[in-house]
Amino acid sequence: MDNKKVVMDAEGIDRSLTRIAYEILERNKGSENMALVGIRTGGVFLAERLRQKIAVIEEVLLPLGILDITLYRDDLQTSHRKPRLGKTDIPFSLDDKKVVLVDDVLFTGRTIRAAMDALIDFGRPMLIQLAVLIDRGHRELPIRADFVGKNLPSSLWEAVSVNLTEKNGKDEVLIGENR
């Protein structure tokens, strides 16, 4: 990615996650019967951070699941890259739970569609809500986030990269030309 520009720094990410945590609790009238599921990889780190923020507010540690959507992607047949499978770990029942699905960037909506298909294979949630750090637009499917850290209008030729301390050693969101 050339000509990178920081559009969100560590403090901005933290503020956005704090706001999202409060919005989740407000919309759901608390944390009862709720679980967080992070989409591998960036969504997992963000879901854990939301879990900690909600624990401080509500004094309860929500169940946390990790979802790998590799085998649910609709581009497996057309991709030239060999898929790298990660582990899905949902150590609780999803039946009748309010599930907040967490990801770092919402773009075309195809990842979220795959994630919902995968979740349904694990049970029947009462509802599924979507929390994302960045919504960059350009939807190809009728999917929208319930909780958004930052709306980031972008062109199709730009790349949005979310760097998190847990993976990249630094919290920041970058945008730049995709080459």
Protein backbone atom coordinates (compact mmCIF):
# COMPACT_ATOMS: atom_id res chain seq x y z
CA MET A 1 0.00 0.00 0.00
CA ASP A 2 1.60 3.26 -1.14
CA ASN A 3 0.97 6.76 0.18
CA LYS A 4 -0.49 5.54 3.45
CA LYS A 5 -2.44 7.99 5.55
CA VAL A 6 -3.38 7.38 9.19
CA VAL A 7 -7.13 7.91 9.52
CA MET A 8 -7.47 6.58 13.08
CA ASP A 9 -4.82 6.38 15.77
CA ALA A 10 -4.71 4.29 18.95
CA GLU A 11 -6.76 6.81 20.94
CA GLY A 12 -9.38 6.99 18.19
CA ILE A 13 -9.68 3.21 18.08
CA ASP A 14 -10.05 3.05 21.85
CA ARG A 15 -12.68 5.82 21.91
CA SER A 16 -14.63 4.12 19.12
CA LEU A 17 -14.61 0.77 20.92
CA THR A 18 -15.75 2.41 24.16
CA ARG A 19 -18.64 4.08 22.32
CA ILE A 20 -19.56 0.82 20.55
CA ALA A 21 -19.58 -1.03 23.91
CA TYR A 22 -22.04 1.49 25.36
CA GLU A 23 -24.18 1.39 22.19
CA ILE A 24 -24.34 -2.42 22.31
CA LEU A 25 -25.47 -2.33 25.94
CA GLU A 26 -27.99 0.43 25.31
CA ARG A 27 -29.57 -1.24 22.28
CA ASN A 28 -29.79 -4.60 24.08
CA LYS A 29 -30.87 -3.15 27.44
CA GLY A 30 -27.82 -4.62 29.15
CA SER A 31 -25.70 -7.69 28.58
CA GLU A 32 -28.11 -10.47 29.53
CA ASN A 33 -28.12 -13.47 27.17
CA MET A 34 -25.46 -11.87 24.97
CA ALA A 35 -22.29 -13.27 23.40
CA LEU A 36 -19.53 -11.80 21.26
CA VAL A 37 -18.10 -13.63 18.24
CA GLY A 38 -15.04 -12.23 16.49
CA ILE A 39 -14.28 -13.01 12.86
CA ARG A 40 -10.74 -14.27 12.48
CA THR A 41 -8.36 -12.42 12.70
CA GLY A 42 -8.90 -8.71 13.32
CA GLY A 43 -12.43 -9.20 14.58
CA VAL A 44 -11.19 -11.56 17.29
CA PHE A 45 -8.92 -8.91 18.82
CA LEU A 46 -11.64 -6.27 18.64
CA ALA A 47 -14.22 -8.63 20.18
CA GLU A 48 -11.87 -9.30 23.10
CA ARG A 49 -11.41 -5.56 23.62
CA LEU A 50 -15.19 -5.03 23.54
CA ARG A 51 -15.58 -7.88 26.01
CA GLN A 52 -13.19 -6.17 28.43
CA LYS A 53 -14.93 -2.79 28.05
CA ILE A 54 -18.35 -4.35 28.66
CA ALA A 55 -16.93 -6.20 31.69
CA VAL A 56 -15.88 -2.88 33.22
CA ILE A 57 -19.31 -1.33 32.56
CA GLU A 58 -21.56 -4.30 33.45
CA GLU A 59 -19.27 -6.29 35.76
CA VAL A 60 -19.90 -9.45 33.70
CA LEU A 61 -17.58 -11.28 31.31
CA LEU A 62 -19.51 -12.16 28.17
CA PRO A 63 -18.94 -15.44 26.36
CA LEU A 64 -16.47 -14.94 23.50
CA GLY A 65 -16.25 -17.03 20.36
CA ILE A 66 -13.82 -17.10 17.45
CA LEU A 67 -15.14 -17.71 13.95
CA ASP A 68 -13.13 -18.73 10.91
CA ILE A 69 -15.14 -18.24 7.72
CA THR A 70 -12.63 -19.60 5.20
CA LEU A 71 -14.75 -22.55 4.07
CA TYR A 72 -17.88 -20.36 3.83
CA ARG A 73 -16.37 -17.83 1.42
CA ASP A 74 -18.01 -17.57 -2.00
CA ASP A 75 -14.69 -16.97 -3.77
CA LEU A 76 -12.94 -20.24 -2.87
CA GLN A 77 -13.43 -21.64 -6.37
CA THR A 78 -12.19 -18.51 -8.15
CA SER A 79 -9.26 -17.62 -5.91
CA HIS A 80 -5.79 -18.67 -7.01
CA ARG A 81 -4.52 -18.59 -3.44
CA LYS A 82 -4.66 -21.66 -1.26
CA PRO A 83 -7.02 -20.96 1.66
CA ARG A 84 -5.47 -20.86 5.13
CA LEU A 85 -7.80 -22.44 7.62
CA GLY A 86 -7.97 -21.05 11.12
CA LYS A 87 -9.68 -22.52 14.12
CA THR A 88 -13.28 -21.78 14.99
CA ASP A 89 -13.85 -21.87 18.73
CA ILE A 90 -17.36 -21.22 20.01
CA PRO A 91 -17.40 -22.96 23.41
CA PHE A 92 -21.02 -22.13 24.22
CA SER A 93 -24.44 -22.60 22.68
CA LEU A 94 -25.62 -19.90 20.29
CA ASP A 95 -29.24 -21.01 20.65
CA ASP A 96 -31.49 -18.10 21.67
CA LYS A 97 -28.48 -15.81 22.30
CA LYS A 98 -28.06 -12.22 21.21
CA VAL A 99 -24.87 -12.59 19.18
CA VAL A 100 -22.75 -9.56 18.36
CA LEU A 101 -20.57 -10.45 15.40
CA VAL A 102 -17.37 -8.36 15.36
CA ASP A 103 -15.07 -7.54 12.44
CA ASP A 104 -12.48 -4.90 11.67
CA VAL A 105 -13.59 -3.64 8.22
CA LEU A 106 -16.97 -3.87 6.49
CA PHE A 107 -16.55 -3.60 2.73
CA THR A 108 -18.61 -5.61 0.20
CA GLY A 109 -20.57 -7.54 2.83
CA ARG A 110 -19.44 -10.94 1.55
CA THR A 111 -17.38 -11.74 4.65
CA ILE A 112 -20.35 -10.98 6.89
CA ARG A 113 -22.67 -13.12 4.76
CA ALA A 114 -20.20 -16.00 5.09
CA ALA A 115 -19.95 -15.39 8.85
CA MET A 116 -23.73 -15.51 9.28
CA ASP A 117 -23.89 -18.76 7.32
CA ALA A 118 -21.18 -20.20 9.57
CA LEU A 119 -22.91 -19.01 12.77
CA ILE A 120 -26.18 -20.67 11.77
CA ASP A 121 -24.30 -23.98 11.49
CA PHE A 122 -23.48 -23.66 15.21
CA GLY A 123 -26.99 -22.92 16.42
CA ARG A 124 -29.98 -20.62 16.17
CA PRO A 125 -29.28 -17.23 17.72
CA MET A 126 -32.16 -15.05 18.86
CA LEU A 127 -30.57 -12.27 16.82
CA ILE A 128 -27.28 -11.36 15.19
CA GLN A 129 -25.95 -7.83 15.34
CA LEU A 130 -22.83 -6.55 13.59
CA ALA A 131 -20.14 -4.35 15.11
CA VAL A 132 -17.28 -3.09 12.92
CA LEU A 133 -14.45 -0.68 13.54
CA ILE A 134 -14.48 0.65 9.95
CA ASP A 135 -17.30 0.80 7.40
CA ARG A 136 -15.81 1.75 4.04
CA GLY A 137 -18.92 1.34 1.89
CA HIS A 138 -19.09 -0.37 -1.53
CA ARG A 139 -21.61 -3.02 -0.50
CA GLU A 140 -22.36 -5.83 -2.94
CA LEU A 141 -24.90 -7.43 -0.61
CA PRO A 142 -27.68 -5.83 1.48
CA ILE A 143 -25.74 -5.91 4.74
CA ARG A 144 -25.21 -3.05 7.19
CA ALA A 145 -23.50 -2.73 10.53
CA ASP A 146 -25.49 -2.06 13.70
CA PHE A 147 -22.45 -0.50 15.43
CA VAL A 148 -19.73 1.39 13.56
CA GLY A 149 -16.55 2.93 14.89
CA LYS A 150 -15.91 5.10 11.83
CA ASN A 151 -17.49 5.48 8.41
CA LEU A 152 -14.60 5.85 5.99
CA PRO A 153 -15.64 6.69 2.44
CA SER A 154 -13.06 5.24 0.07
CA SER A 155 -12.57 4.46 -3.57
CA LEU A 156 -12.41 0.91 -4.84
CA TRP A 157 -8.73 1.52 -5.64
CA GLU A 158 -7.83 2.32 -2.07
CA ALA A 159 -6.85 -0.21 0.56
CA VAL A 160 -7.91 0.13 4.18
CA SER A 161 -5.65 -1.56 6.69
CA VAL A 162 -6.43 -2.01 10.38
CA ASN A 163 -3.29 -2.58 12.42
CA LEU A 164 -3.80 -3.80 15.97
CA THR A 165 -1.23 -4.15 18.73
CA GLU A 166 -2.03 -7.85 19.15
CA LYS A 167 -1.00 -8.59 15.56
CA ASN A 168 1.03 -5.67 14.19
CA GLY A 169 2.44 -4.09 17.36
CA LYS A 170 0.60 -0.79 16.86
CA ASP A 171 -3.00 0.43 16.81
CA GLU A 172 -3.88 2.45 13.72
CA VAL A 173 -6.11 2.49 10.66
CA LEU A 174 -4.44 3.34 7.36
CA ILE A 175 -5.79 4.17 3.93
CA GLY A 176 -3.77 4.33 0.76
CA GLU A 177 -3.52 3.35 -2.88
CA ASN A 178 -3.80 -0.36 -3.48
CA ARG A 179 -1.09 -1.53 -5.89
